[in-house]
Amino acid sequence: MTQPCTILTFILLTLSCSLTSQNGDNYVQDACSVTRYQDICIHSLASFSHTAQHSPSRWARAGVSVTIGEAKKVSKYLMIHRSDMIVEGRNKIALLDCIESFQNTIENLHRSLDVLRKLNFQEFDSQMGDVTTWLSAALTDEDTCSDGFDRQKGKVVKSILNRVSNVSYMTSNALALVNKLTTTGPEALKKD
């Protein structure tokens, strides 16, 4: 008699876990539906599903937060190659410019996250304007970094460009999540 109860309990637990996982997947898929690089968005933000759920401000913060983490990794990677003898000539100049651009990117991402953490009804439009400006500037800095390596070749250059592109995609996604929050308006703050 205990075996049917055990099997029934197992089935109910499995079904419950499956539904919970699907709801979490639905949250992140819904949030990422406004982004251009949805696969990257879903992969990078999936762990925020249960905390962000239907909150546009939480999704915007999560998007900027994971982008900061990735930008810091790329910045560290760039710094490692700064003293490489493999990178020389025009690529060395491009690398140094890229390092500076990524420092600006990280600064603009941090500014954005700081404001997103302090959103309020009275200053919402102004705050969102600032965040949009800073995220757009971060994208421009990332493009500047990539442009410096235009038509350059080599394994290290290809690796740098792939990493920079990934951060650009994540920044674009973060900007889309911020734009979604902006269009939702200050009412979105009630969901926090």
Protein backbone atom coordinates (compact mmCIF):
# COMPACT_ATOMS: atom_id res chain seq x y z
CA MET A 1 0.00 0.00 0.00
CA THR A 2 2.85 2.42 0.65
CA GLN A 3 4.25 1.91 -2.83
CA PRO A 4 1.23 3.47 -4.66
CA CYS A 5 1.40 6.46 -2.27
CA THR A 6 5.11 6.79 -2.96
CA ILE A 7 4.53 6.63 -6.72
CA LEU A 8 1.68 9.14 -6.49
CA THR A 9 3.83 11.47 -4.38
CA PHE A 10 6.66 11.15 -6.91
CA ILE A 11 4.33 11.95 -9.81
CA LEU A 12 2.88 14.98 -8.03
CA LEU A 13 6.34 16.29 -7.11
CA THR A 14 7.59 15.78 -10.66
CA LEU A 15 4.55 17.56 -12.10
CA SER A 16 4.93 20.41 -9.59
CA CYS A 17 8.63 20.84 -10.38
CA SER A 18 7.88 20.73 -14.10
CA LEU A 19 5.22 23.45 -13.82
CA THR A 20 7.50 25.60 -11.66
CA SER A 21 10.30 25.28 -14.20
CA GLN A 22 7.94 26.13 -17.06
CA ASN A 23 6.64 29.23 -15.25
CA GLY A 24 10.22 30.35 -14.66
CA ASP A 25 11.01 29.77 -18.32
CA ASN A 26 7.89 31.73 -19.27
CA TYR A 27 8.96 34.69 -17.15
CA VAL A 28 12.38 34.97 -18.78
CA GLN A 29 10.99 34.28 -22.26
CA ASP A 30 8.36 36.96 -21.78
CA ALA A 31 10.92 39.46 -20.51
CA CYS A 32 13.37 38.66 -23.33
CA SER A 33 10.70 38.86 -26.04
CA VAL A 34 11.48 42.58 -26.44
CA THR A 35 15.20 41.99 -27.02
CA ARG A 36 17.06 41.58 -30.28
CA TYR A 37 19.32 38.74 -29.06
CA GLN A 38 16.75 36.58 -27.32
CA ASP A 39 18.87 33.45 -26.94
CA ILE A 40 21.61 35.40 -25.18
CA CYS A 41 19.00 37.16 -23.06
CA ILE A 42 17.31 33.95 -21.99
CA HIS A 43 20.62 32.25 -21.23
CA SER A 44 22.06 35.15 -19.24
CA LEU A 45 18.89 36.01 -17.30
CA ALA A 46 17.27 32.62 -16.68
CA SER A 47 18.47 32.55 -13.07
CA PHE A 48 16.47 35.74 -12.37
CA SER A 49 13.09 34.25 -13.39
CA HIS A 50 11.75 33.57 -9.94
CA THR A 51 12.88 36.87 -8.43
CA ALA A 52 12.03 39.15 -11.36
CA GLN A 53 8.86 37.40 -12.57
CA HIS A 54 6.64 40.15 -14.11
CA SER A 55 8.62 43.15 -12.85
CA PRO A 56 10.05 45.26 -15.71
CA SER A 57 12.31 47.16 -13.29
CA ARG A 58 13.79 43.94 -11.91
CA TRP A 59 14.41 42.63 -15.42
CA ALA A 60 16.07 45.91 -16.41
CA ARG A 61 18.35 45.76 -13.35
CA ALA A 62 19.16 42.12 -14.05
CA GLY A 63 19.98 42.89 -17.68
CA VAL A 64 22.36 45.68 -16.74
CA SER A 65 23.86 43.67 -13.89
CA VAL A 66 24.80 40.63 -16.00
CA THR A 67 26.17 42.96 -18.67
CA ILE A 68 28.46 44.59 -16.09
CA GLY A 69 29.77 41.17 -15.13
CA GLU A 70 30.49 40.25 -18.73
CA ALA A 71 32.03 43.65 -19.53
CA LYS A 72 34.39 43.27 -16.56
CA LYS A 73 35.50 39.85 -17.85
CA VAL A 74 36.23 41.33 -21.27
CA SER A 75 38.06 44.29 -19.74
CA LYS A 76 40.25 41.89 -17.77
CA TYR A 77 40.91 39.88 -20.93
CA LEU A 78 41.92 43.06 -22.79
CA MET A 79 44.27 44.06 -19.97
CA ILE A 80 45.97 40.66 -20.12
CA HIS A 81 46.71 41.17 -23.83
CA ARG A 82 47.93 44.73 -23.34
CA SER A 83 51.49 43.53 -22.75
CA ASP A 84 51.35 40.69 -25.29
CA MET A 85 54.01 40.71 -27.95
CA ILE A 86 51.48 38.99 -30.23
CA VAL A 87 49.50 42.23 -30.44
CA GLU A 88 51.57 44.90 -32.18
CA GLY A 89 51.34 47.82 -34.58
CA ARG A 90 47.84 48.97 -35.44
CA ASN A 91 46.33 46.19 -33.34
CA LYS A 92 48.23 47.43 -30.27
CA ILE A 93 46.79 50.93 -30.73
CA ALA A 94 43.33 49.46 -31.27
CA LEU A 95 43.74 47.37 -28.12
CA LEU A 96 44.71 50.39 -26.01
CA ASP A 97 41.72 52.33 -27.38
CA CYS A 98 39.52 49.33 -26.68
CA ILE A 99 40.70 49.16 -23.06
CA GLU A 100 39.76 52.82 -22.61
CA SER A 101 36.41 52.29 -24.33
CA PHE A 102 35.60 49.37 -22.04
CA GLN A 103 36.44 51.40 -18.96
CA ASN A 104 33.89 53.94 -20.20
CA THR A 105 31.41 51.13 -20.92
CA ILE A 106 31.71 49.76 -17.39
CA GLU A 107 31.34 53.24 -15.91
CA ASN A 108 28.16 53.90 -17.92
CA LEU A 109 26.74 50.49 -16.99
CA HIS A 110 27.40 51.16 -13.29
CA ARG A 111 25.74 54.59 -13.54
CA SER A 112 22.73 52.95 -15.14
CA LEU A 113 22.45 50.26 -12.48
CA ASP A 114 22.80 52.83 -9.69
CA VAL A 115 19.86 54.82 -11.06
CA LEU A 116 17.76 51.71 -11.70
CA ARG A 117 18.18 50.79 -8.04
CA LYS A 118 16.88 54.21 -6.94
CA LEU A 119 13.92 54.73 -9.28
CA ASN A 120 11.06 56.80 -7.95
CA PHE A 121 7.73 58.10 -9.23
CA GLN A 122 8.65 61.80 -9.18
CA GLU A 123 11.85 61.54 -11.23
CA PHE A 124 11.05 58.44 -13.27
CA ASP A 125 11.09 60.04 -16.74
CA SER A 126 14.33 61.91 -16.07
CA GLN A 127 15.96 58.84 -14.53
CA MET A 128 14.98 56.64 -17.47
CA GLY A 129 16.29 59.26 -19.89
CA ASP A 130 19.66 59.17 -18.11
CA VAL A 131 19.80 55.37 -18.10
CA THR A 132 18.92 55.21 -21.80
CA THR A 133 21.64 57.76 -22.59
CA TRP A 134 24.28 55.88 -20.60
CA LEU A 135 23.40 52.49 -22.10
CA SER A 136 23.49 54.01 -25.59
CA ALA A 137 26.91 55.49 -24.77
CA ALA A 138 28.09 52.05 -23.61
CA LEU A 139 27.00 50.59 -26.96
CA THR A 140 28.88 53.35 -28.80
CA ASP A 141 32.02 52.64 -26.75
CA GLU A 142 31.77 48.94 -27.60
CA ASP A 143 31.37 49.79 -31.30
CA THR A 144 34.40 52.08 -31.07
CA CYS A 145 36.39 49.18 -29.67
CA SER A 146 35.35 46.86 -32.52
CA ASP A 147 35.93 49.52 -35.18
CA GLY A 148 39.55 49.87 -34.13
CA PHE A 149 40.19 46.30 -35.25
CA ASP A 150 38.49 46.81 -38.63
CA ARG A 151 39.95 44.45 -41.25
CA GLN A 152 42.61 43.20 -38.85
CA LYS A 153 43.42 39.53 -38.60
CA GLY A 154 44.76 37.09 -36.08
CA LYS A 155 43.57 34.71 -33.43
CA VAL A 156 43.75 37.25 -30.59
CA VAL A 157 41.92 39.91 -32.64
CA LYS A 158 39.17 37.42 -33.49
CA SER A 159 38.84 36.44 -29.84
CA ILE A 160 38.67 40.09 -28.76
CA LEU A 161 36.01 40.88 -31.37
CA ASN A 162 33.90 37.87 -30.36
CA ARG A 163 34.00 38.88 -26.70
CA VAL A 164 33.27 42.54 -27.44
CA SER A 165 30.36 41.54 -29.69
CA ASN A 166 28.89 39.41 -26.93
CA VAL A 167 28.98 42.36 -24.52
CA SER A 168 27.39 44.55 -27.22
CA TYR A 169 24.57 42.04 -27.63
CA MET A 170 24.03 41.96 -23.88
CA THR A 171 24.08 45.76 -23.70
CA SER A 172 21.55 45.92 -26.52
CA ASN A 173 19.35 43.49 -24.60
CA ALA A 174 19.71 45.53 -21.41
CA LEU A 175 18.71 48.65 -23.34
CA ALA A 176 15.64 46.86 -24.71
CA LEU A 177 14.64 45.83 -21.17
CA VAL A 178 15.12 49.43 -20.01
CA ASN A 179 13.00 50.67 -22.93
CA LYS A 180 10.28 48.20 -21.90
CA LEU A 181 10.42 49.63 -18.37
CA THR A 182 10.26 53.17 -19.77
CA THR A 183 7.15 52.41 -21.84
CA THR A 184 5.51 50.66 -18.88
CA GLY A 185 6.02 53.85 -16.89
CA PRO A 186 6.36 54.48 -13.17
CA GLU A 187 3.45 52.09 -12.54
CA ALA A 188 6.02 49.32 -13.07
CA LEU A 189 7.59 50.30 -9.75
CA LYS A 190 4.52 48.96 -7.97
CA LYS A 191 5.58 45.44 -9.03
CA ASP A 192 8.83 45.65 -7.08
